[in-house]
Protein backbone atom coordinates (compact mmCIF):
# COMPACT_ATOMS: atom_id res chain seq x y z
CA MET A 1 -6.18 147.80 256.05
CA LYS A 2 -6.13 151.31 257.10
CA ARG A 3 -8.68 153.92 255.81
CA LEU A 4 -7.73 155.82 252.76
CA ILE A 5 -7.30 159.70 253.11
CA PRO A 6 -10.43 161.91 252.76
CA ALA A 7 -9.23 163.75 250.03
CA LEU A 8 -7.92 160.27 248.39
CA ALA A 9 -11.56 158.75 248.78
CA LEU A 10 -13.34 161.61 247.06
CA LEU A 11 -11.14 161.64 243.50
CA LEU A 12 -11.73 158.09 243.33
CA ALA A 13 -15.70 158.51 243.03
CA ALA A 14 -15.48 161.21 241.61
CA CYS A 15 -14.30 159.69 237.97
CA LEU A 16 -17.35 157.80 238.38
CA PRO A 17 -19.70 159.80 235.21
CA LEU A 18 -23.29 158.99 236.90
CA SER A 19 -26.03 161.66 237.62
CA GLY A 20 -25.26 159.71 241.52
CA CYS A 21 -21.36 161.24 241.88
CA ALA A 22 -22.52 164.73 243.52
CA ALA A 23 -24.28 162.40 245.90
CA MET A 24 -20.84 160.10 245.84
CA LEU A 25 -19.01 163.08 246.28
CA GLU A 26 -20.49 162.82 249.67
CA ARG A 27 -19.20 158.91 251.19
CA THR A 28 -16.64 158.21 253.57
CA TYR A 29 -15.92 154.54 253.12
CA THR A 30 -17.50 154.66 257.01
CA GLY A 31 -19.53 151.16 255.92
CA SER A 32 -21.80 151.71 259.12
CA GLU A 33 -23.17 155.10 258.03
CA THR A 34 -26.50 155.22 256.09
CA HIS A 35 -26.38 157.59 253.08
CA MET A 36 -29.22 157.38 250.82
CA ASP A 37 -26.25 156.43 248.09
CA TYR A 38 -24.94 154.65 249.84
CA PRO A 39 -24.79 150.69 250.93
CA VAL A 40 -26.72 150.42 254.00
CA VAL A 41 -25.41 147.44 256.22
CA GLU A 42 -27.44 145.43 257.46
CA ASP A 43 -25.59 143.36 258.97
CA ASP A 44 -21.67 142.59 260.32
CA SER A 45 -20.86 140.74 255.92
CA THR A 46 -23.41 141.71 253.78
CA LEU A 47 -25.33 145.25 252.18
CA ARG A 48 -28.29 146.47 251.50
CA VAL A 49 -28.73 147.18 247.91
CA GLU A 50 -32.16 148.82 246.44
CA THR A 51 -30.65 151.28 242.91
CA TYR A 52 -28.46 150.86 240.54
CA GLN A 53 -26.33 153.57 242.12
CA ASN A 54 -25.59 152.05 245.72
CA LEU A 55 -24.56 148.88 243.14
CA VAL A 56 -21.92 150.79 242.38
CA ASN A 57 -21.77 151.81 245.28
CA ALA A 58 -21.43 148.81 246.54
CA LEU A 59 -19.01 147.16 244.56
CA LEU A 60 -17.17 149.87 244.67
CA TYR A 61 -17.08 150.09 249.35
CA PHE A 62 -15.00 146.39 249.68
CA VAL A 63 -12.32 147.88 246.94
CA ASN A 64 -11.98 150.15 249.34
CA GLU A 65 -12.02 147.69 252.29
CA HIS A 66 -9.17 145.64 250.30
CA SER A 67 -12.56 143.04 250.95
CA ALA A 68 -11.45 139.07 249.05
CA ALA A 69 -15.13 138.32 249.90
CA GLY A 70 -18.38 140.65 250.55
CA SER A 71 -22.47 140.21 250.01
CA ILE A 72 -25.06 142.35 249.05
CA ARG A 73 -28.84 141.97 249.07
CA LEU A 74 -30.77 143.57 246.44
CA TYR A 75 -34.84 144.85 247.73
CA ASN A 76 -37.21 146.13 245.25
CA TYR A 77 -34.84 146.14 242.21
CA ALA A 78 -36.10 147.58 239.32
CA GLY A 79 -33.39 146.67 237.10
CA GLU A 80 -32.35 143.06 235.33
CA ALA A 81 -29.98 141.73 237.97
CA GLU A 82 -27.42 140.01 236.12
CA GLU A 83 -27.19 142.45 233.46
CA ASP A 84 -26.47 145.63 236.01
CA LEU A 85 -24.27 143.93 237.80
CA GLU A 86 -21.47 142.76 235.11
CA ARG A 87 -22.54 147.11 233.85
CA ALA A 88 -21.48 147.89 237.43
CA ARG A 89 -18.23 145.10 237.27
CA VAL A 90 -17.30 146.93 233.75
CA GLN A 91 -17.26 150.78 235.63
CA VAL A 92 -16.45 150.14 238.49
CA THR A 93 -12.95 147.75 237.25
CA GLU A 94 -12.24 149.32 234.49
CA GLN A 95 -13.11 153.28 235.21
CA ASP A 96 -12.26 153.58 239.01
CA PRO A 97 -9.10 154.68 239.79
CA LEU A 98 -8.53 152.54 242.73
CA ALA A 99 -10.47 149.14 241.28
CA ALA A 100 -8.49 149.77 238.24
CA TYR A 101 -5.39 149.55 239.37
CA ALA A 102 -5.86 147.39 242.84
CA VAL A 103 -8.38 144.76 241.53
CA ARG A 104 -6.97 141.95 239.59
CA SER A 105 -10.15 139.94 239.95
CA LEU A 106 -14.42 141.00 240.48
CA THR A 107 -16.62 137.57 240.39
CA TYR A 108 -19.78 137.56 242.20
CA THR A 109 -23.16 134.90 241.99
CA VAL A 110 -26.79 136.08 242.09
CA THR A 111 -29.28 133.83 244.04
CA PRO A 112 -33.36 134.59 243.43
CA VAL A 113 -34.82 134.59 247.02
CA LEU A 114 -38.52 134.95 247.24
CA THR A 115 -37.43 139.20 248.79
CA TYR A 116 -34.08 140.17 247.50
CA TYR A 117 -31.40 138.48 245.10
CA GLU A 118 -28.58 137.12 247.60
CA VAL A 119 -25.60 138.26 245.41
CA GLU A 120 -22.26 136.32 246.73
CA VAL A 121 -18.78 138.11 245.38
CA ARG A 122 -15.27 138.03 245.52
CA LEU A 123 -12.19 139.93 244.36
CA THR A 124 -9.00 139.15 243.77
CA TYR A 125 -6.05 141.69 243.26
CA ALA A 126 -3.42 142.64 242.32
CA HIS A 127 -1.59 145.70 244.60
CA THR A 128 -2.20 144.95 247.94
CA ALA A 129 -3.36 146.91 250.83
CA GLN A 130 -0.09 148.41 251.53
CA GLU A 131 0.79 149.63 248.83
CA VAL A 132 -2.60 152.06 247.34
CA ASP A 133 -2.65 153.47 251.02
CA ALA A 134 1.20 154.09 250.12
CA LEU A 135 -0.13 156.64 246.51
CA HIS A 136 0.85 159.68 246.89
CA ILE A 137 -2.00 162.52 245.50
CA VAL A 138 -0.31 164.85 242.66
CA SER A 139 -2.16 167.57 241.40
CA GLY A 140 -2.43 168.99 238.17
CA GLN A 141 1.11 168.48 236.34
CA THR A 142 3.67 171.30 238.05
CA GLY A 143 2.12 168.99 240.88
CA LEU A 144 3.81 165.66 238.84
CA THR A 145 7.05 167.30 237.09
CA ALA A 146 7.79 168.53 241.73
CA GLU A 147 7.25 164.25 241.91
CA LEU A 148 9.21 163.33 239.62
CA GLU A 149 11.75 165.57 240.69
CA ARG A 150 11.36 164.20 243.80
CA LEU A 151 11.60 160.56 241.82
CA ALA A 152 15.18 162.04 239.99
CA GLU A 153 16.70 162.69 243.48
CA GLU A 154 15.88 160.45 245.73
CA ARG A 155 16.48 158.29 242.42
CA VAL A 156 13.28 155.67 243.31
CA SER A 157 12.62 152.79 241.19
CA GLY A 158 8.76 152.87 241.56
CA GLU A 159 5.97 154.74 242.69
CA ALA A 160 2.44 154.94 242.37
CA LEU A 161 0.92 158.55 242.14
CA LEU A 162 -2.74 159.29 242.52
CA LEU A 163 -2.58 161.35 239.15
CA SER A 164 -6.09 164.49 239.23
CA GLY A 165 -6.28 167.51 236.94
CA PHE A 166 -3.35 165.40 234.21
CA SER A 167 -4.73 163.93 230.63
CA GLY A 168 -1.68 163.88 228.85
CA ASP A 169 -0.05 160.15 228.55
CA GLY A 170 3.67 158.76 228.47
CA VAL A 171 5.41 160.32 226.67
CA LEU A 172 4.59 163.62 227.59
CA VAL A 173 4.96 162.24 232.02
CA ASP A 174 8.80 161.01 229.77
CA GLU A 175 8.82 164.92 228.14
CA LEU A 176 8.90 166.16 231.64
CA PHE A 177 10.92 163.35 233.44
CA GLN A 178 13.51 164.63 230.43
CA LEU A 179 13.14 168.28 231.24
CA VAL A 180 13.17 167.84 235.42
CA TRP A 181 16.99 165.46 234.29
CA TYR A 182 18.33 167.87 232.12
CA GLY A 183 17.59 171.08 234.76
CA ASP A 184 20.10 170.24 236.97
CA PRO A 185 23.16 169.29 234.92
CA THR A 186 25.05 168.50 237.71
CA ARG A 187 23.46 164.84 237.33
CA SER A 188 24.63 165.40 234.18
CA ASP A 189 27.65 162.67 234.20
CA GLN A 190 24.79 160.17 234.31
CA SER A 191 22.81 158.62 231.81
CA PRO A 192 18.93 159.59 232.44
CA PRO A 193 17.14 156.13 233.84
CA ALA A 194 14.50 154.91 231.98
CA LEU A 195 10.59 155.76 232.75
CA GLN A 196 8.15 152.99 232.18
CA THR A 197 4.89 154.67 232.78
CA VAL A 198 1.43 152.78 233.47
CA PHE A 199 -1.99 154.18 233.75
CA TYR A 200 -4.81 153.19 235.76
CA PRO A 201 -7.38 153.34 233.26
CA GLU A 202 -6.08 154.47 230.12
CA SER A 203 -7.36 157.80 229.53
CA GLY A 204 -9.10 160.62 231.68
CA THR A 205 -8.38 163.22 234.14
CA ARG A 206 -8.14 161.52 236.89
CA ARG A 207 -6.28 158.44 237.09
CA ILE A 208 -3.11 156.49 239.02
CA ALA A 209 -0.05 155.96 237.02
CA GLU A 210 2.09 153.04 237.43
CA LEU A 211 6.48 154.87 237.45
CA SER A 212 8.64 152.43 237.25
CA LEU A 213 12.79 153.33 236.45
CA SER A 214 15.91 151.73 235.43
CA TRP A 215 18.50 153.01 237.41
CA GLU A 216 22.42 152.29 235.82
CA GLU A 217 24.88 152.26 238.49
CA PRO A 218 26.58 155.28 238.65
CA PRO A 219 30.52 156.45 236.96
CA GLU A 220 33.28 155.70 239.07
CA GLY A 221 33.91 159.12 240.69
CA SER A 222 30.56 160.79 240.01
CA GLY A 223 30.34 161.24 244.06
CA ASP A 224 32.38 164.65 242.82
CA TYR A 225 31.08 165.27 239.08
CA ALA A 226 29.28 168.87 241.50
CA ALA A 227 32.59 170.72 242.66
CA ARG A 228 34.33 170.14 240.10
CA LEU A 229 31.55 171.08 237.72
CA GLU A 230 31.37 174.14 240.09
CA ALA A 231 35.52 174.88 240.35
CA SER A 232 35.71 174.79 236.56
CA ALA A 233 32.67 177.76 235.71
CA SER A 234 34.87 179.22 238.54
CA ALA A 235 37.70 179.74 236.49
CA LEU A 236 36.49 180.15 233.47
CA LEU A 237 34.64 183.45 235.14
CA ASP A 238 36.90 184.59 237.45
CA ALA A 239 38.65 184.82 233.99
CA ASN A 240 36.16 186.54 232.27
CA PRO A 241 34.23 188.78 234.08
CA PRO A 242 30.52 190.03 232.61
CA ALA A 243 31.05 193.24 230.11
CA GLY A 244 29.10 196.13 232.49
CA GLY A 245 30.78 195.25 235.11
CA GLU A 246 27.14 193.89 236.36
CA GLY A 247 25.74 190.59 235.04
CA TYR A 248 26.38 188.83 232.25
CA THR A 249 24.42 188.22 229.02
CA PRO A 250 23.34 185.08 227.79
CA GLU A 251 25.33 186.30 225.11
CA GLU A 252 28.70 186.97 226.40
CA LEU A 253 28.25 183.27 227.87
CA ALA A 254 28.49 181.96 225.15
CA ALA A 255 30.85 183.92 223.75
CA ILE A 256 32.98 182.69 226.89
CA LEU A 257 32.37 179.04 226.57
CA ARG A 258 33.39 179.18 222.89
CA GLY A 259 36.33 180.24 224.02
CA GLY A 260 37.79 177.42 225.68
CA ALA A 261 35.26 174.72 224.29
CA VAL A 262 36.76 171.99 221.51
CA TYR A 263 33.48 170.47 220.03
CA ALA A 264 33.67 166.87 218.71
CA GLU A 265 30.74 165.51 217.27
CA ASP A 266 31.32 162.00 219.13
CA GLY A 267 33.00 164.75 222.06
CA SER A 268 31.16 163.71 226.25
CA ALA A 269 28.19 165.13 226.34
CA LEU A 270 29.28 166.11 229.59
CA ALA A 271 29.24 170.00 230.94
CA LEU A 272 32.14 169.78 232.59
CA ALA A 273 33.48 168.05 229.31
CA ALA A 274 33.58 172.04 227.37
CA LEU A 275 34.77 173.32 230.55
CA THR A 276 37.96 171.76 230.48
CA GLY A 277 38.69 171.90 227.06
CA GLU A 278 37.99 168.31 226.91
CA PRO A 279 36.08 167.28 223.26
CA VAL A 280 32.20 167.82 223.34
CA SER A 281 29.21 166.98 221.65
CA ASP A 282 26.15 169.49 221.00
CA LYS A 283 24.59 167.73 224.25
CA GLY A 284 27.42 168.52 226.61
CA LEU A 285 27.63 172.44 224.90
CA ILE A 286 24.46 172.78 226.14
CA LEU A 287 23.95 171.55 229.21
CA ALA A 288 27.52 173.62 229.97
CA MET A 289 25.60 176.78 228.68
CA GLU A 290 22.99 176.00 230.72
CA TYR A 291 24.78 175.57 234.28
CA LEU A 292 27.07 179.22 233.20
CA CYS A 293 23.57 180.88 232.97
CA ARG A 294 21.83 179.06 236.04
CA ARG A 295 25.59 179.91 237.64
CA CYS A 296 25.12 183.80 236.76
CA GLY A 297 21.13 184.11 238.20
CA VAL A 298 20.09 184.03 233.82
CA GLU A 299 17.09 182.01 233.27
CA ALA A 300 17.84 178.92 230.97
CA LEU A 301 14.71 176.87 230.79
CA PRO A 302 15.60 173.64 228.75
CA VAL A 303 13.82 172.00 226.46
CA VAL A 304 13.84 168.59 224.80
CA GLY A 305 13.04 167.95 220.80
CA TRP A 306 10.94 165.84 219.92
CA ASP A 307 13.94 163.85 218.29
CA GLY A 308 15.61 164.16 221.13
CA ALA A 309 17.49 168.11 220.44
CA LEU A 310 17.90 169.22 223.17
CA TRP A 311 18.48 172.77 223.72
CA LEU A 312 17.43 175.81 225.58
CA ILE A 313 14.94 178.77 225.95
CA VAL A 314 16.99 182.27 227.41
CA PRO A 315 15.61 184.96 227.95
CA ALA A 316 16.79 188.04 225.46
CA GLN A 317 16.06 192.28 224.95
CA GLU A 318 13.24 191.14 222.66
CA GLY A 319 12.03 188.90 224.93
CA TRP A 320 12.39 184.60 225.45
CA ARG A 321 14.32 183.28 222.76
CA HIS A 322 15.15 179.83 221.48
CA LEU A 323 19.62 179.21 221.99
CA ILE A 324 20.39 176.27 220.14
CA PRO A 325 24.25 174.43 220.91
CA GLN A 326 25.55 175.37 216.97
CA GLY A 327 25.48 178.83 218.11
CA LEU A 328 28.38 177.95 221.43
CA ILE A 329 30.41 175.66 218.29
CA PRO A 330 33.77 177.31 217.98
CA PRO A 331 34.16 178.94 214.20
CA ALA A 332 36.26 176.84 212.22
CA ASP A 333 38.12 180.12 210.85
CA PRO A 334 39.63 182.44 213.84
CA GLU A 335 38.49 185.14 212.37
CA GLY A 336 34.94 184.39 211.54
CA GLU A 337 31.30 184.82 213.33
CA PRO A 338 30.03 181.57 214.85
CA GLY A 339 26.59 180.73 213.72
CA GLN A 340 22.77 182.67 215.02
CA LEU A 341 22.24 181.90 218.69
CA LEU A 342 19.32 182.66 219.74
CA TYR A 343 16.17 181.92 217.37
CA THR A 344 12.12 183.31 218.10
CA ASP A 345 9.32 180.39 217.53
CA ARG A 346 9.58 180.86 213.99
CA GLU A 347 12.84 180.68 212.91
CA LEU A 348 14.02 177.57 215.06
CA GLU A 349 10.39 175.62 212.68
CA ALA A 350 12.19 176.93 209.47
CA LEU A 351 15.20 174.46 210.89
CA GLY A 352 12.98 172.03 210.73
CA ARG A 353 12.95 171.30 214.87
CA GLN A 354 9.71 170.49 216.57
CA TRP A 355 9.07 170.20 220.37
CA THR A 356 5.53 170.74 222.64
CA ALA A 357 5.64 174.36 222.41
CA GLU A 358 2.70 173.93 225.55
CA LEU A 359 5.70 172.94 227.96
CA TYR A 360 7.43 176.12 227.43
CA PRO A 361 7.79 180.30 227.10
CA PRO A 362 6.76 181.44 223.13
CA CYS A 363 9.41 182.73 221.53
CA PRO A 364 7.51 185.12 219.23
CA ASP A 365 8.81 187.30 216.28
CA PRO A 366 9.46 191.36 217.52
CA GLU A 367 6.72 193.90 217.09
CA PRO A 368 7.46 195.53 213.47
CA ALA A 369 7.56 198.76 213.79
CA PRO A 370 5.18 201.71 213.24
CA ALA A 371 5.77 202.55 209.42
CA GLU A 372 6.02 205.99 208.59
CA THR A 373 2.62 208.22 207.28
CA GLY A 374 5.73 210.62 205.25
CA GLU A 375 3.34 213.50 206.09
CA PRO A 376 4.54 216.82 206.69
CA VAL A 377 3.76 218.76 210.43
CA GLU A 378 1.90 221.69 210.00
CA PRO A 379 3.73 224.30 212.44
CA ALA A 380 1.38 224.96 215.11
CA GLU A 381 0.16 228.79 214.78
CA ALA A 382 2.12 231.69 216.77
CA GLY A 383 0.13 231.02 220.15
CA GLU A 384 -1.60 227.36 221.12
CA ALA A 385 -0.15 225.31 222.76
């Protein structure tokens, strides 16, 4: 098997919270190299071990080499050999990301010899050496989001990622994927794929995440959806230039959308439907608004609520504000006023909306105006500055 690149080896080694961790970070996964905290090769098939940390490293060495079997000799070993082997086995297979992901079973036998213990190790694997080599190394939530964007763009059905600096769960990964998906309204003619995430190990900041995506066949005619969306938006904007002659505000774009949209609770969820006067749902209105904002250079961040509701965060004079679909629905009375369009965090919470606030910019209430004291100002004396 090809050696893992050094960054991967370092990342996997850092997962074991032991006093010898600093030394493990220096290991190169090369069996012929001697190191005080690294297994020493006694011959072509046997590793020499004298400490518990060496024992852990020896098992990790076999995993990294994707070995089916290996031999260890414990010399001058002060601990209980069989108890320590079991503890090391559990530590490696349950705490090390690569072992937790790749190893199906790790068994051993211990035989006392005159001056040492002879240990025979047997391993079977749940993933092949090629699958281990294909792991993508990803750092932090930003790196994960970029990787999810690639999976959506390329319609990938499965991927295994080596994550560092990310302690979220599968729910958060799914939410990040939803944001990536709805961040491109031209994809809205398709339903997002079902995403399943399995972590190895289940918790921690360094893990392997195995992603499985179930894609549906794209609807007929979806290949030209982006072009139709662009043409419809261009026609709508050409007929409604910005009031100030420069850029549009979110309020102006909302008014343009309301002017031609036909709302129906069970209407289409496509942005195109809102731009062409077909019956459109809340979701279709929000996706159409997002597309118009991006088309006109107005930043619009999609938000997925805990109940699956979709809305936007857009810039306003007072700062960021939530833009919800109710403000995009044309009023039943042509002379009536539309619903409120923009909300602060506090106002939206009062409506019962819930979302993962850490993923989005805050939308605070405006700063209160300074109170007037009402005290008269003494006139300056003549000659005073």
